[in-house]
């Protein structure tokens, strides 16, 4: 609801001189919100405290971190190692342990 209100307010600010709001503008804004929502869902790290152990949750976080880091560096492992602050051998150990290529 909050997001919809934000879109409507923004659309009202960008209405044409006759006071009309473009349906195309609203659709574009909703598409942007949906893309953000999908990206945030993809990037979220949820866990079930009733079933996930600490080990499972931290492994999931490590996998997420390394994948995002590699994505950020366009797969450049040397740059990822530098950014992560990990040693080269530890970084490659993590890749192997987390089954990331």
C-alpha atoms as a PDB file:
ATOM      1  CA  UNK A   1       0.000   0.000   0.000  1.00  0.00           C
ATOM      2  CA  UNK A   2       2.828   2.366   0.900  1.00  0.00           C
ATOM      3  CA  UNK A   3       4.500   1.782  -2.462  1.00  0.00           C
ATOM      4  CA  UNK A   4       1.280   2.391  -4.358  1.00  0.00           C
ATOM      5  CA  UNK A   5       0.738   5.657  -2.497  1.00  0.00           C
ATOM      6  CA  UNK A   6       4.283   6.714  -3.392  1.00  0.00           C
ATOM      7  CA  UNK A   7       3.650   5.974  -7.088  1.00  0.00           C
ATOM      8  CA  UNK A   8       0.376   7.910  -7.087  1.00  0.00           C
ATOM      9  CA  UNK A   9       1.977  10.923  -5.388  1.00  0.00           C
ATOM     10  CA  UNK A  10       4.870  10.856  -7.834  1.00  0.00           C
ATOM     11  CA  UNK A  11       2.477  10.544 -10.781  1.00  0.00           C
ATOM     12  CA  UNK A  12       0.453  13.498  -9.495  1.00  0.00           C
ATOM     13  CA  UNK A  13       3.615  15.583  -9.375  1.00  0.00           C
ATOM     14  CA  UNK A  14       4.338  14.705 -13.036  1.00  0.00           C
ATOM     15  CA  UNK A  15       0.819  15.156 -14.407  1.00  0.00           C
ATOM     16  CA  UNK A  16       0.373  17.086 -17.628  1.00  0.00           C
ATOM     17  CA  UNK A  17      -0.859  20.714 -17.696  1.00  0.00           C
ATOM     18  CA  UNK A  18      -4.473  19.484 -18.011  1.00  0.00           C
ATOM     19  CA  UNK A  19      -4.122  17.489 -14.778  1.00  0.00           C
ATOM     20  CA  UNK A  20      -4.079  14.094 -16.495  1.00  0.00           C
ATOM     21  CA  UNK A  21      -1.825  11.294 -15.323  1.00  0.00           C
ATOM     22  CA  UNK A  22      -0.396   9.029 -17.990  1.00  0.00           C
ATOM     23  CA  UNK A  23      -1.316   5.371 -17.680  1.00  0.00           C
ATOM     24  CA  UNK A  24       2.007   4.534 -19.355  1.00  0.00           C
ATOM     25  CA  UNK A  25       3.817   6.480 -16.633  1.00  0.00           C
ATOM     26  CA  UNK A  26       1.992   4.568 -13.909  1.00  0.00           C
ATOM     27  CA  UNK A  27       2.726   1.243 -15.608  1.00  0.00           C
ATOM     28  CA  UNK A  28       6.412   2.138 -15.886  1.00  0.00           C
ATOM     29  CA  UNK A  29       6.579   3.067 -12.193  1.00  0.00           C
ATOM     30  CA  UNK A  30       4.847  -0.184 -11.202  1.00  0.00           C
ATOM     31  CA  UNK A  31       7.296  -2.156 -13.371  1.00  0.00           C
ATOM     32  CA  UNK A  32      10.207  -0.468 -11.603  1.00  0.00           C
ATOM     33  CA  UNK A  33       8.722  -1.333  -8.204  1.00  0.00           C
ATOM     34  CA  UNK A  34       8.161  -4.952  -9.251  1.00  0.00           C
ATOM     35  CA  UNK A  35      11.752  -5.264 -10.486  1.00  0.00           C
ATOM     36  CA  UNK A  36      13.050  -3.896  -7.183  1.00  0.00           C
ATOM     37  CA  UNK A  37      10.815  -6.287  -5.284  1.00  0.00           C
ATOM     38  CA  UNK A  38      12.084  -9.274  -7.303  1.00  0.00           C
ATOM     39  CA  UNK A  39      15.699  -8.194  -6.843  1.00  0.00           C
ATOM     40  CA  UNK A  40      15.209  -7.780  -3.083  1.00  0.00           C
ATOM     41  CA  UNK A  41      13.520 -11.176  -2.827  1.00  0.00           C
ATOM     42  CA  UNK A  42      16.419 -12.729  -4.724  1.00  0.00           C
ATOM     43  CA  UNK A  43      18.933 -10.996  -2.462  1.00  0.00           C
ATOM     44  CA  UNK A  44      17.226 -11.799   0.813  1.00  0.00           C
ATOM     45  CA  UNK A  45      18.670 -14.311   3.201  1.00  0.00           C
ATOM     46  CA  UNK A  46      15.827 -15.857   5.073  1.00  0.00           C
ATOM     47  CA  UNK A  47      16.087 -18.767   7.425  1.00  0.00           C
ATOM     48  CA  UNK A  48      13.850 -20.786   9.670  1.00  0.00           C
ATOM     49  CA  UNK A  49      15.181 -20.718  13.233  1.00  0.00           C
ATOM     50  CA  UNK A  50      13.117 -23.803  13.997  1.00  0.00           C
ATOM     51  CA  UNK A  51      14.923 -25.952  11.429  1.00  0.00           C
ATOM     52  CA  UNK A  52      18.083 -24.181  10.230  1.00  0.00           C
ATOM     53  CA  UNK A  53      21.189 -24.600  12.307  1.00  0.00           C
ATOM     54  CA  UNK A  54      23.747 -21.826  12.691  1.00  0.00           C
ATOM     55  CA  UNK A  55      26.032 -23.750  10.370  1.00  0.00           C
ATOM     56  CA  UNK A  56      23.372 -23.946   7.646  1.00  0.00           C
ATOM     57  CA  UNK A  57      22.486 -20.236   7.967  1.00  0.00           C
ATOM     58  CA  UNK A  58      26.112 -19.071   7.841  1.00  0.00           C
ATOM     59  CA  UNK A  59      26.856 -21.352   4.887  1.00  0.00           C
ATOM     60  CA  UNK A  60      23.908 -19.835   3.042  1.00  0.00           C
ATOM     61  CA  UNK A  61      25.200 -16.325   3.850  1.00  0.00           C
ATOM     62  CA  UNK A  62      28.734 -17.188   2.698  1.00  0.00           C
ATOM     63  CA  UNK A  63      27.414 -18.583  -0.590  1.00  0.00           C
ATOM     64  CA  UNK A  64      25.307 -15.475  -1.115  1.00  0.00           C
ATOM     65  CA  UNK A  65      28.237 -13.174  -0.294  1.00  0.00           C
ATOM     66  CA  UNK A  66      30.687 -14.899  -2.645  1.00  0.00           C
ATOM     67  CA  UNK A  67      28.159 -15.052  -5.500  1.00  0.00           C
ATOM     68  CA  UNK A  68      27.276 -11.377  -5.131  1.00  0.00           C
ATOM     69  CA  UNK A  69      30.951 -10.462  -4.913  1.00  0.00           C
ATOM     70  CA  UNK A  70      31.741 -12.389  -8.080  1.00  0.00           C
ATOM     71  CA  UNK A  71      28.761 -10.803  -9.787  1.00  0.00           C
ATOM     72  CA  UNK A  72      29.981  -7.357  -8.737  1.00  0.00           C
ATOM     73  CA  UNK A  73      33.459  -8.073 -10.150  1.00  0.00           C
ATOM     74  CA  UNK A  74      32.041  -9.704 -13.311  1.00  0.00           C
ATOM     75  CA  UNK A  75      33.613 -13.019 -12.326  1.00  0.00           C
ATOM     76  CA  UNK A  76      37.065 -11.530 -11.721  1.00  0.00           C
ATOM     77  CA  UNK A  77      38.293 -13.679  -8.845  1.00  0.00           C
ATOM     78  CA  UNK A  78      41.424 -11.590  -8.240  1.00  0.00           C
ATOM     79  CA  UNK A  79      39.320  -8.454  -7.764  1.00  0.00           C
ATOM     80  CA  UNK A  80      36.879 -10.400  -5.561  1.00  0.00           C
ATOM     81  CA  UNK A  81      39.758 -11.627  -3.379  1.00  0.00           C
ATOM     82  CA  UNK A  82      41.034  -8.069  -2.984  1.00  0.00           C
ATOM     83  CA  UNK A  83      37.609  -6.674  -2.074  1.00  0.00           C
ATOM     84  CA  UNK A  84      36.793  -9.515   0.328  1.00  0.00           C
ATOM     85  CA  UNK A  85      39.980  -9.136   2.329  1.00  0.00           C
ATOM     86  CA  UNK A  86      40.407 -12.904   2.291  1.00  0.00           C
ATOM     87  CA  UNK A  87      43.624 -14.641   1.419  1.00  0.00           C
ATOM     88  CA  UNK A  88      43.792 -16.284  -1.988  1.00  0.00           C
ATOM     89  CA  UNK A  89      43.874 -19.825  -0.581  1.00  0.00           C
ATOM     90  CA  UNK A  90      40.929 -19.171   1.781  1.00  0.00           C
ATOM     91  CA  UNK A  91      38.910 -17.647  -1.061  1.00  0.00           C
ATOM     92  CA  UNK A  92      39.471 -20.671  -3.297  1.00  0.00           C
ATOM     93  CA  UNK A  93      38.705 -22.964  -0.343  1.00  0.00           C
ATOM     94  CA  UNK A  94      35.352 -21.232   0.034  1.00  0.00           C
ATOM     95  CA  UNK A  95      34.623 -21.588  -3.676  1.00  0.00           C
ATOM     96  CA  UNK A  96      35.274 -25.305  -3.418  1.00  0.00           C
ATOM     97  CA  UNK A  97      33.369 -25.791  -0.139  1.00  0.00           C
ATOM     98  CA  UNK A  98      30.375 -23.803  -1.378  1.00  0.00           C
ATOM     99  CA  UNK A  99      30.492 -25.482  -4.797  1.00  0.00           C
ATOM    100  CA  UNK A 100      30.808 -22.182  -6.663  1.00  0.00           C
ATOM    101  CA  UNK A 101      32.620 -22.160  -9.993  1.00  0.00           C
END
